Amino acid sequence: MSESSWELPGSPVRRRAALWGTAARVAARYGIVRVSRPPRARRLARAHERGARDVYRTAIHLRGGFLKFGQFASA
């Protein structure tokens, strides 16, 4: 395996933008659900699904760089 295959994609600024952009999208969806009127259960389930999809895609793209964000968010 070459050394370049271990490098993270993009610059540090682009990686941070991807992390924070994903976090903002997920948070915005939950915010919309919170202020929406009933029935919220279906909207909340959709927010969970879309958030999980966004987090998964970003984590795969950043190859582990996302773990640091998770550690930061859970602290």
N, C-alpha and C. Protein backbone atom coordinates (compact mmCIF):
# COMPACT_ATOMS: atom_id res chain seq x y z
N MET A 1 0.84 -1.17 0.00
CA MET A 1 0.00 0.00 0.00
C MET A 1 0.89 1.24 0.00
N SER A 2 0.62 2.17 -0.89
CA SER A 2 1.46 3.36 -0.97
C SER A 2 1.15 4.33 0.16
N GLU A 3 2.11 5.17 0.45
CA GLU A 3 1.95 6.15 1.52
C GLU A 3 0.84 7.15 1.21
N SER A 4 0.67 7.49 -0.06
CA SER A 4 -0.35 8.46 -0.43
C SER A 4 -1.77 7.93 -0.20
N SER A 5 -1.95 6.62 -0.19
CA SER A 5 -3.28 6.07 0.03
C SER A 5 -3.75 6.24 1.48
N TRP A 6 -2.82 6.56 2.37
CA TRP A 6 -3.18 6.77 3.77
C TRP A 6 -3.57 8.21 4.06
N GLU A 7 -3.30 9.10 3.13
CA GLU A 7 -3.59 10.51 3.35
C GLU A 7 -5.09 10.76 3.34
N LEU A 8 -5.51 11.71 4.15
CA LEU A 8 -6.91 12.10 4.17
C LEU A 8 -7.20 12.95 2.94
N PRO A 9 -8.43 12.90 2.45
CA PRO A 9 -8.77 13.66 1.25
C PRO A 9 -8.89 15.16 1.54
N GLY A 10 -8.43 15.97 0.60
CA GLY A 10 -8.59 17.41 0.71
C GLY A 10 -7.69 18.06 1.74
N SER A 11 -7.82 19.36 1.82
CA SER A 11 -7.03 20.13 2.78
C SER A 11 -7.71 20.08 4.15
N PRO A 12 -6.99 20.46 5.20
CA PRO A 12 -7.62 20.52 6.52
C PRO A 12 -8.84 21.43 6.56
N VAL A 13 -8.79 22.53 5.83
CA VAL A 13 -9.93 23.46 5.80
C VAL A 13 -11.14 22.79 5.15
N ARG A 14 -10.92 22.08 4.06
CA ARG A 14 -12.04 21.39 3.40
C ARG A 14 -12.61 20.28 4.27
N ARG A 15 -11.75 19.58 5.00
CA ARG A 15 -12.24 18.52 5.90
C ARG A 15 -13.07 19.13 7.02
N ARG A 16 -12.59 20.23 7.60
CA ARG A 16 -13.38 20.90 8.65
C ARG A 16 -14.71 21.39 8.10
N ALA A 17 -14.69 21.94 6.90
CA ALA A 17 -15.93 22.41 6.28
C ALA A 17 -16.91 21.25 6.08
N ALA A 18 -16.40 20.10 5.67
CA ALA A 18 -17.27 18.92 5.49
C ALA A 18 -17.87 18.48 6.82
N LEU A 19 -17.04 18.47 7.87
CA LEU A 19 -17.53 18.08 9.20
C LEU A 19 -18.60 19.04 9.70
N TRP A 20 -18.27 20.31 9.70
CA TRP A 20 -19.20 21.30 10.23
C TRP A 20 -20.43 21.45 9.35
N GLY A 21 -20.28 21.29 8.05
CA GLY A 21 -21.43 21.33 7.16
C GLY A 21 -22.40 20.19 7.44
N THR A 22 -21.86 19.01 7.65
CA THR A 22 -22.70 17.86 7.99
C THR A 22 -23.39 18.08 9.33
N ALA A 23 -22.64 18.55 10.32
CA ALA A 23 -23.23 18.81 11.63
C ALA A 23 -24.33 19.86 11.54
N ALA A 24 -24.12 20.89 10.75
CA ALA A 24 -25.13 21.94 10.60
C ALA A 24 -26.40 21.40 9.93
N ARG A 25 -26.23 20.57 8.90
CA ARG A 25 -27.41 19.98 8.24
C ARG A 25 -28.21 19.11 9.20
N VAL A 26 -27.51 18.28 9.96
CA VAL A 26 -28.20 17.40 10.91
C VAL A 26 -28.90 18.23 11.98
N ALA A 27 -28.21 19.21 12.54
CA ALA A 27 -28.81 20.06 13.58
C ALA A 27 -30.00 20.84 13.04
N ALA A 28 -29.90 21.34 11.82
CA ALA A 28 -31.01 22.10 11.23
C ALA A 28 -32.24 21.22 11.07
N ARG A 29 -32.04 19.98 10.66
CA ARG A 29 -33.19 19.08 10.52
C ARG A 29 -33.90 18.87 11.85
N TYR A 30 -33.11 18.65 12.90
CA TYR A 30 -33.72 18.46 14.22
C TYR A 30 -34.39 19.73 14.71
N GLY A 31 -33.80 20.88 14.39
CA GLY A 31 -34.42 22.15 14.75
C GLY A 31 -35.76 22.34 14.07
N ILE A 32 -35.83 21.97 12.80
CA ILE A 32 -37.08 22.08 12.06
C ILE A 32 -38.14 21.17 12.67
N VAL A 33 -37.74 19.96 13.03
CA VAL A 33 -38.69 19.02 13.65
C VAL A 33 -39.18 19.59 14.97
N ARG A 34 -38.28 20.20 15.72
CA ARG A 34 -38.64 20.72 17.05
C ARG A 34 -39.68 21.84 16.97
N VAL A 35 -39.58 22.71 15.97
CA VAL A 35 -40.52 23.82 15.88
C VAL A 35 -41.74 23.50 15.03
N SER A 36 -41.75 22.33 14.39
CA SER A 36 -42.89 21.98 13.54
C SER A 36 -44.06 21.53 14.40
N ARG A 37 -45.20 21.56 13.80
CA ARG A 37 -46.40 21.11 14.52
C ARG A 37 -46.57 19.61 14.35
N PRO A 38 -47.37 18.99 15.19
CA PRO A 38 -47.60 17.54 15.09
C PRO A 38 -48.18 17.18 13.73
N PRO A 39 -47.99 15.98 13.25
CA PRO A 39 -47.30 14.84 13.85
C PRO A 39 -45.79 14.91 13.64
N ARG A 40 -45.07 14.88 14.72
CA ARG A 40 -43.62 15.00 14.67
C ARG A 40 -42.92 13.66 14.49
N ALA A 41 -43.56 12.57 14.85
CA ALA A 41 -42.90 11.26 14.83
C ALA A 41 -42.34 10.92 13.45
N ARG A 42 -43.12 11.16 12.42
CA ARG A 42 -42.66 10.83 11.07
C ARG A 42 -41.52 11.76 10.65
N ARG A 43 -41.64 13.04 10.98
CA ARG A 43 -40.57 13.99 10.65
C ARG A 43 -39.29 13.65 11.40
N LEU A 44 -39.44 13.24 12.66
CA LEU A 44 -38.28 12.88 13.46
C LEU A 44 -37.60 11.63 12.89
N ALA A 45 -38.39 10.65 12.49
CA ALA A 45 -37.82 9.44 11.89
C ALA A 45 -37.08 9.77 10.61
N ARG A 46 -37.64 10.68 9.80
CA ARG A 46 -36.97 11.10 8.57
C ARG A 46 -35.67 11.85 8.88
N ALA A 47 -35.69 12.68 9.92
CA ALA A 47 -34.47 13.40 10.32
C ALA A 47 -33.40 12.43 10.77
N HIS A 48 -33.80 11.38 11.52
CA HIS A 48 -32.84 10.35 11.94
C HIS A 48 -32.21 9.66 10.73
N GLU A 49 -33.05 9.26 9.79
CA GLU A 49 -32.55 8.55 8.60
C GLU A 49 -31.62 9.42 7.77
N ARG A 50 -32.03 10.64 7.51
CA ARG A 50 -31.20 11.53 6.70
C ARG A 50 -29.91 11.91 7.42
N GLY A 51 -30.01 12.13 8.72
CA GLY A 51 -28.82 12.45 9.49
C GLY A 51 -27.83 11.30 9.50
N ALA A 52 -28.33 10.10 9.68
CA ALA A 52 -27.46 8.92 9.67
C ALA A 52 -26.80 8.76 8.30
N ARG A 53 -27.56 8.98 7.25
CA ARG A 53 -27.01 8.89 5.89
C ARG A 53 -25.91 9.93 5.67
N ASP A 54 -26.16 11.17 6.09
CA ASP A 54 -25.16 12.23 5.92
C ASP A 54 -23.90 11.95 6.72
N VAL A 55 -24.07 11.52 7.97
CA VAL A 55 -22.91 11.22 8.81
C VAL A 55 -22.11 10.06 8.22
N TYR A 56 -22.80 9.03 7.76
CA TYR A 56 -22.13 7.87 7.17
C TYR A 56 -21.32 8.28 5.94
N ARG A 57 -21.94 9.02 5.05
CA ARG A 57 -21.24 9.44 3.82
C ARG A 57 -20.02 10.30 4.13
N THR A 58 -20.16 11.20 5.08
CA THR A 58 -19.02 12.06 5.43
C THR A 58 -17.93 11.24 6.10
N ALA A 59 -18.31 10.31 6.97
CA ALA A 59 -17.32 9.47 7.65
C ALA A 59 -16.54 8.62 6.65
N ILE A 60 -17.23 8.06 5.67
CA ILE A 60 -16.56 7.26 4.65
C ILE A 60 -15.62 8.14 3.82
N HIS A 61 -16.09 9.31 3.46
CA HIS A 61 -15.27 10.22 2.65
C HIS A 61 -14.01 10.65 3.40
N LEU A 62 -14.14 10.94 4.69
CA LEU A 62 -13.00 11.44 5.46
C LEU A 62 -12.15 10.33 6.07
N ARG A 63 -12.59 9.09 5.96
CA ARG A 63 -11.82 7.93 6.40
C ARG A 63 -11.28 8.07 7.82
N GLY A 64 -12.13 8.20 8.78
CA GLY A 64 -11.69 8.21 10.17
C GLY A 64 -11.54 9.60 10.76
N GLY A 65 -11.38 10.59 9.93
CA GLY A 65 -11.27 11.95 10.44
C GLY A 65 -12.53 12.37 11.18
N PHE A 66 -13.62 11.72 10.85
CA PHE A 66 -14.90 12.02 11.49
C PHE A 66 -14.92 11.57 12.95
N LEU A 67 -14.10 10.59 13.30
CA LEU A 67 -14.07 10.10 14.68
C LEU A 67 -13.71 11.20 15.65
N LYS A 68 -12.79 12.06 15.27
CA LYS A 68 -12.39 13.16 16.14
C LYS A 68 -13.57 14.09 16.40
N PHE A 69 -14.38 14.33 15.38
CA PHE A 69 -15.55 15.16 15.57
C PHE A 69 -16.51 14.51 16.57
N GLY A 70 -16.69 13.20 16.45
CA GLY A 70 -17.56 12.48 17.39
C GLY A 70 -17.03 12.54 18.80
N GLN A 71 -15.73 12.43 18.95
CA GLN A 71 -15.13 12.53 20.28
C GLN A 71 -15.33 13.93 20.85
N PHE A 72 -15.18 14.93 20.01
CA PHE A 72 -15.38 16.31 20.44
C PHE A 72 -16.84 16.55 20.83
N ALA A 73 -17.76 16.08 20.01
CA ALA A 73 -19.18 16.30 20.26
C ALA A 73 -19.67 15.58 21.51
N SER A 74 -19.08 14.45 21.83
CA SER A 74 -19.54 13.68 22.98
C SER A 74 -18.90 14.14 24.29
N ALA A 75 -17.92 15.01 24.20
CA ALA A 75 -17.22 15.48 25.42
C ALA A 75 -18.04 16.49 26.18
